[in-house]
């Protein structure tokens, strides 16, 4: 049986096809203005028996594609447990929200989610990188090259962006600003993680896990070694596909879900 998992995020859409305990296909695309159309294009020509959708846009997409839905928390937990059987904790930083999850031997023990404020999310980092006229990759490298940091007065996106522009105009070093912004995000995530209670085996997933400065700062903040899986953006989609594989297959219908 081949199962499909879609993670419909605010910034990107991720697809994973899963069969016989292996990932057989994965893809990432920008969400764009019409995420349902993007999902259809990602699935075009792909055959599968079951589809489960997670992410910000799951309730929009799943009914149109005859798919089931699952929360991002459950999807991330399933993927983390599949990839690393000894995993105990997960940090996920996406475009619109951030999550910290403490796992139990049988599922999710506790979690905390930030979806009301951009601070601590990929969107915040993108906006701050743009204020410094840097790509997101350049932003991380600039922060890593800093010898010191600047402390910002506000983590509100609007005020922080204005403060960054003001600091630049005053001649402040871009490296110090970039590091200060990364430290602010790491501090926000670190506080969430400490409230949930991180244990020894910690996995960092989501697009934020591709940022080496965040990885380093979170390791320092939590005094834990962090593991970043290959393809950290697709872990929620993988978890959705794994959960779909646990359900009985639907009768074959030809194209799309078969």
Protein backbone atom coordinates (compact mmCIF):
# COMPACT_ATOMS: atom_id res chain seq x y z
CA UNK A 1 0.00 0.00 0.00
CA UNK A 2 1.22 3.49 -0.89
CA UNK A 3 0.08 6.33 1.35
CA UNK A 4 0.40 10.07 0.82
CA UNK A 5 0.95 12.75 3.41
CA UNK A 6 0.46 16.44 2.65
CA UNK A 7 1.58 19.21 4.98
CA UNK A 8 -0.17 22.38 3.83
CA UNK A 9 1.73 25.19 5.52
CA UNK A 10 1.38 28.94 5.25
CA UNK A 11 4.66 29.24 3.31
CA UNK A 12 5.22 25.84 1.70
CA UNK A 13 3.42 22.61 0.90
CA UNK A 14 5.18 19.30 1.47
CA UNK A 15 4.32 15.90 0.01
CA UNK A 16 5.60 12.49 1.09
CA UNK A 17 4.66 9.12 -0.41
CA UNK A 18 5.28 6.20 1.94
CA UNK A 19 5.31 2.46 1.15
CA UNK A 20 6.64 -0.64 2.90
CA UNK A 21 8.24 1.40 5.66
CA UNK A 22 10.13 3.71 3.29
CA UNK A 23 9.79 7.18 1.79
CA UNK A 24 9.38 6.60 -1.95
CA UNK A 25 8.88 10.23 -2.97
CA UNK A 26 8.98 13.70 -1.43
CA UNK A 27 8.51 17.21 -2.76
CA UNK A 28 8.27 20.79 -1.49
CA UNK A 29 6.52 23.70 -3.23
CA UNK A 30 5.56 27.25 -2.29
CA UNK A 31 1.98 27.50 -1.05
CA UNK A 32 1.21 30.44 -3.32
CA UNK A 33 -2.17 32.14 -3.46
CA UNK A 34 -4.02 28.93 -4.38
CA UNK A 35 -2.68 26.15 -2.13
CA UNK A 36 -5.30 23.65 -3.29
CA UNK A 37 -4.10 24.00 -6.88
CA UNK A 38 -0.50 23.54 -5.71
CA UNK A 39 -1.50 20.37 -3.87
CA UNK A 40 -3.20 19.01 -6.96
CA UNK A 41 -0.08 19.67 -9.03
CA UNK A 42 2.12 17.93 -6.46
CA UNK A 43 -0.17 14.90 -6.55
CA UNK A 44 -0.62 14.90 -10.33
CA UNK A 45 0.41 11.55 -11.79
CA UNK A 46 1.04 10.01 -8.36
CA UNK A 47 -0.87 6.88 -7.36
CA UNK A 48 -1.65 6.17 -3.73
CA UNK A 49 -4.17 4.32 -1.61
CA UNK A 50 -4.70 6.76 1.23
CA UNK A 51 -4.17 10.48 1.77
CA UNK A 52 -3.86 12.28 5.09
CA UNK A 53 -3.44 16.05 5.27
CA UNK A 54 -1.92 18.10 8.06
CA UNK A 55 -0.81 21.68 8.48
CA UNK A 56 -2.39 25.11 8.48
CA UNK A 57 -4.51 24.47 5.38
CA UNK A 58 -5.61 20.90 6.06
CA UNK A 59 -9.31 21.69 6.50
CA UNK A 60 -9.37 23.52 3.15
CA UNK A 61 -7.52 20.87 1.18
CA UNK A 62 -8.53 17.49 2.63
CA UNK A 63 -12.24 17.53 1.66
CA UNK A 64 -11.39 18.51 -1.92
CA UNK A 65 -8.88 15.66 -2.26
CA UNK A 66 -10.86 12.98 -0.40
CA UNK A 67 -8.27 12.94 2.36
CA UNK A 68 -8.36 12.57 6.12
CA UNK A 69 -6.88 15.17 8.45
CA UNK A 70 -4.49 14.96 11.39
CA UNK A 71 -3.03 17.61 13.68
CA UNK A 72 0.54 18.77 13.15
CA UNK A 73 1.39 17.66 16.69
CA UNK A 74 0.34 14.08 15.97
CA UNK A 75 2.04 14.12 12.57
CA UNK A 76 5.35 15.39 13.94
CA UNK A 77 5.23 12.87 16.78
CA UNK A 78 4.62 9.98 14.36
CA UNK A 79 7.47 11.03 12.08
CA UNK A 80 9.91 11.60 14.93
CA UNK A 81 9.14 8.20 16.43
CA UNK A 82 9.56 6.52 13.02
CA UNK A 83 12.88 8.23 12.24
CA UNK A 84 14.33 7.96 15.75
CA UNK A 85 12.66 5.28 17.93
CA UNK A 86 14.42 6.65 21.03
CA UNK A 87 13.23 10.24 20.49
CA UNK A 88 11.81 12.00 23.53
CA UNK A 89 11.27 15.60 22.41
CA UNK A 90 10.57 17.58 19.23
CA UNK A 91 10.96 21.24 18.35
CA UNK A 92 9.25 22.35 15.15
CA UNK A 93 9.60 25.85 13.72
CA UNK A 94 7.43 26.52 10.69
CA UNK A 95 6.47 29.58 8.73
CA UNK A 96 3.46 30.50 10.82
CA UNK A 97 3.94 28.81 14.17
CA UNK A 98 6.36 26.97 16.42
CA UNK A 99 5.79 23.89 18.53
CA UNK A 100 7.59 21.98 21.25
CA UNK A 101 6.47 18.42 21.97
CA UNK A 102 7.34 16.04 24.79
CA UNK A 103 6.72 12.43 23.82
CA UNK A 104 5.65 9.55 26.01
CA UNK A 105 6.32 5.88 25.18
CA UNK A 106 2.89 5.67 23.57
CA UNK A 107 2.26 9.13 22.13
CA UNK A 108 2.31 12.81 23.06
CA UNK A 109 2.78 13.61 26.74
CA UNK A 110 2.71 17.41 26.58
CA UNK A 111 3.12 20.17 24.02
CA UNK A 112 3.10 23.93 23.65
CA UNK A 113 2.34 25.84 20.47
CA UNK A 114 2.91 29.47 19.51
CA UNK A 115 0.52 30.42 16.71
CA UNK A 116 -0.64 33.84 17.90
CA UNK A 117 2.58 35.82 17.57
CA UNK A 118 5.07 35.78 14.69
CA UNK A 119 8.03 35.96 17.09
CA UNK A 120 9.63 32.54 17.20
CA UNK A 121 8.48 31.57 13.72
CA UNK A 122 10.01 31.37 10.28
CA UNK A 123 7.97 34.38 9.18
CA UNK A 124 9.64 36.54 11.82
CA UNK A 125 13.09 35.50 10.62
CA UNK A 126 12.15 36.12 6.98
CA UNK A 127 10.93 39.64 7.75
CA UNK A 128 14.04 40.48 9.77
CA UNK A 129 16.32 39.08 7.06
CA UNK A 130 14.55 41.25 4.52
CA UNK A 131 15.00 44.30 6.75
CA UNK A 132 18.75 43.59 6.66
CA UNK A 133 18.55 43.03 2.88
CA UNK A 134 19.73 39.44 3.27
CA UNK A 135 18.43 36.10 2.08
CA UNK A 136 17.43 33.72 4.87
CA UNK A 137 20.63 31.71 4.30
CA UNK A 138 22.77 34.86 4.37
CA UNK A 139 20.95 35.94 7.52
CA UNK A 140 22.00 32.78 9.38
CA UNK A 141 25.60 33.01 8.14
CA UNK A 142 25.78 36.68 9.13
CA UNK A 143 24.60 35.83 12.65
CA UNK A 144 27.12 32.99 12.95
CA UNK A 145 29.90 35.41 12.03
CA UNK A 146 29.07 37.88 14.80
CA UNK A 147 31.48 38.61 17.63
CA UNK A 148 28.76 40.23 19.73
CA UNK A 149 25.02 40.76 19.65
CA UNK A 150 22.52 43.57 19.96
CA UNK A 151 19.56 43.14 22.30
CA UNK A 152 16.28 44.23 20.77
CA UNK A 153 13.66 46.00 22.86
CA UNK A 154 10.67 44.28 21.27
CA UNK A 155 9.84 40.94 19.66
CA UNK A 156 6.68 42.31 18.07
CA UNK A 157 7.36 41.94 14.34
CA UNK A 158 6.36 45.49 13.41
CA UNK A 159 8.34 47.13 16.22
CA UNK A 160 11.33 44.81 15.78
CA UNK A 161 11.52 45.54 12.06
CA UNK A 162 11.39 49.27 12.77
CA UNK A 163 14.10 48.89 15.40
CA UNK A 164 16.32 46.95 12.99
CA UNK A 165 16.00 49.70 10.38
CA UNK A 166 16.82 52.30 13.03
CA UNK A 167 19.90 50.36 14.16
CA UNK A 168 21.14 50.06 10.59
CA UNK A 169 20.69 53.79 10.05
CA UNK A 170 22.73 54.43 13.20
CA UNK A 171 25.57 52.36 11.76
CA UNK A 172 25.16 49.28 13.96
CA UNK A 173 26.92 46.16 12.71
CA UNK A 174 24.63 43.85 10.70
CA UNK A 175 26.30 40.78 12.21
CA UNK A 176 25.45 41.91 15.74
CA UNK A 177 21.85 42.70 14.75
CA UNK A 178 21.43 39.34 13.04
CA UNK A 179 22.77 37.45 16.06
CA UNK A 180 20.54 39.44 18.42
CA UNK A 181 17.48 38.53 16.35
CA UNK A 182 18.41 34.84 16.32
CA UNK A 183 19.01 34.93 20.08
CA UNK A 184 15.56 36.44 20.59
CA UNK A 185 13.92 33.61 18.64
CA UNK A 186 16.00 30.96 20.42
CA UNK A 187 15.07 32.48 23.77
CA UNK A 188 11.35 32.35 22.91
CA UNK A 189 11.57 28.71 21.78
CA UNK A 190 13.81 27.80 24.69
CA UNK A 191 11.28 29.14 27.19
CA UNK A 192 8.53 27.08 25.58
CA UNK A 193 10.76 24.01 25.64
CA UNK A 194 11.58 24.40 29.32
CA UNK A 195 7.89 24.69 30.20
CA UNK A 196 7.13 21.48 28.33
CA UNK A 197 10.27 19.74 29.59
CA UNK A 198 12.79 18.60 27.02
CA UNK A 199 14.49 15.24 27.50
CA UNK A 200 17.75 13.80 26.21
CA UNK A 201 16.86 12.83 22.60
CA UNK A 202 15.76 16.07 20.93
CA UNK A 203 14.74 16.38 17.28
CA UNK A 204 14.51 19.74 15.48
CA UNK A 205 12.16 19.76 12.49
CA UNK A 206 10.47 22.27 10.19
CA UNK A 207 12.04 24.88 7.96
CA UNK A 208 13.64 26.55 10.97
CA UNK A 209 15.81 23.47 11.47
CA UNK A 210 17.68 24.38 8.28
CA UNK A 211 19.08 27.44 10.09
CA UNK A 212 22.45 26.44 11.63
CA UNK A 213 22.53 29.47 13.90
CA UNK A 214 19.20 28.53 15.48
CA UNK A 215 20.41 24.96 15.98
CA UNK A 216 23.55 26.13 17.76
CA UNK A 217 21.75 28.68 19.94
CA UNK A 218 19.05 26.22 20.99
CA UNK A 219 21.68 23.63 21.89
CA UNK A 220 23.36 26.22 24.10
CA UNK A 221 20.06 27.38 25.58
CA UNK A 222 18.82 23.88 26.43
CA UNK A 223 22.20 22.23 27.11
CA UNK A 224 21.16 19.38 24.82
CA UNK A 225 22.47 17.91 21.59
CA UNK A 226 19.97 18.50 18.79
CA UNK A 227 19.43 16.11 15.88
CA UNK A 228 18.18 17.57 12.60
CA UNK A 229 16.66 14.91 10.34
CA UNK A 230 17.38 14.79 6.64
CA UNK A 231 14.69 16.87 4.98
CA UNK A 232 13.43 18.56 8.17
CA UNK A 233 10.73 20.43 6.25
CA UNK A 234 8.95 17.22 5.26
CA UNK A 235 8.64 15.52 8.64
CA UNK A 236 5.00 16.51 9.22
CA UNK A 237 4.07 15.23 5.75
CA UNK A 238 5.94 12.01 6.55
CA UNK A 239 4.03 11.65 9.79
CA UNK A 240 0.73 12.16 7.97
CA UNK A 241 1.68 9.45 5.46
CA UNK A 242 2.69 7.08 8.26
CA UNK A 243 -0.63 7.64 10.04
CA UNK A 244 -2.45 7.03 6.74
CA UNK A 245 -0.58 3.71 6.41
CA UNK A 246 -2.14 2.52 9.66
CA UNK A 247 -5.63 2.84 8.18
CA UNK A 248 -7.25 0.22 5.89
CA UNK A 249 -6.91 1.01 2.16
CA UNK A 250 -9.79 2.43 0.13
CA UNK A 251 -11.13 0.55 -2.91
CA UNK A 252 -9.12 1.37 -6.09
CA UNK A 253 -10.55 4.25 -8.12
CA UNK A 254 -7.94 4.76 -10.84
CA UNK A 255 -6.31 8.19 -10.86
CA UNK A 256 -5.16 9.93 -7.70
CA UNK A 257 -6.12 7.98 -4.60
CA UNK A 258 -6.47 4.45 -5.87
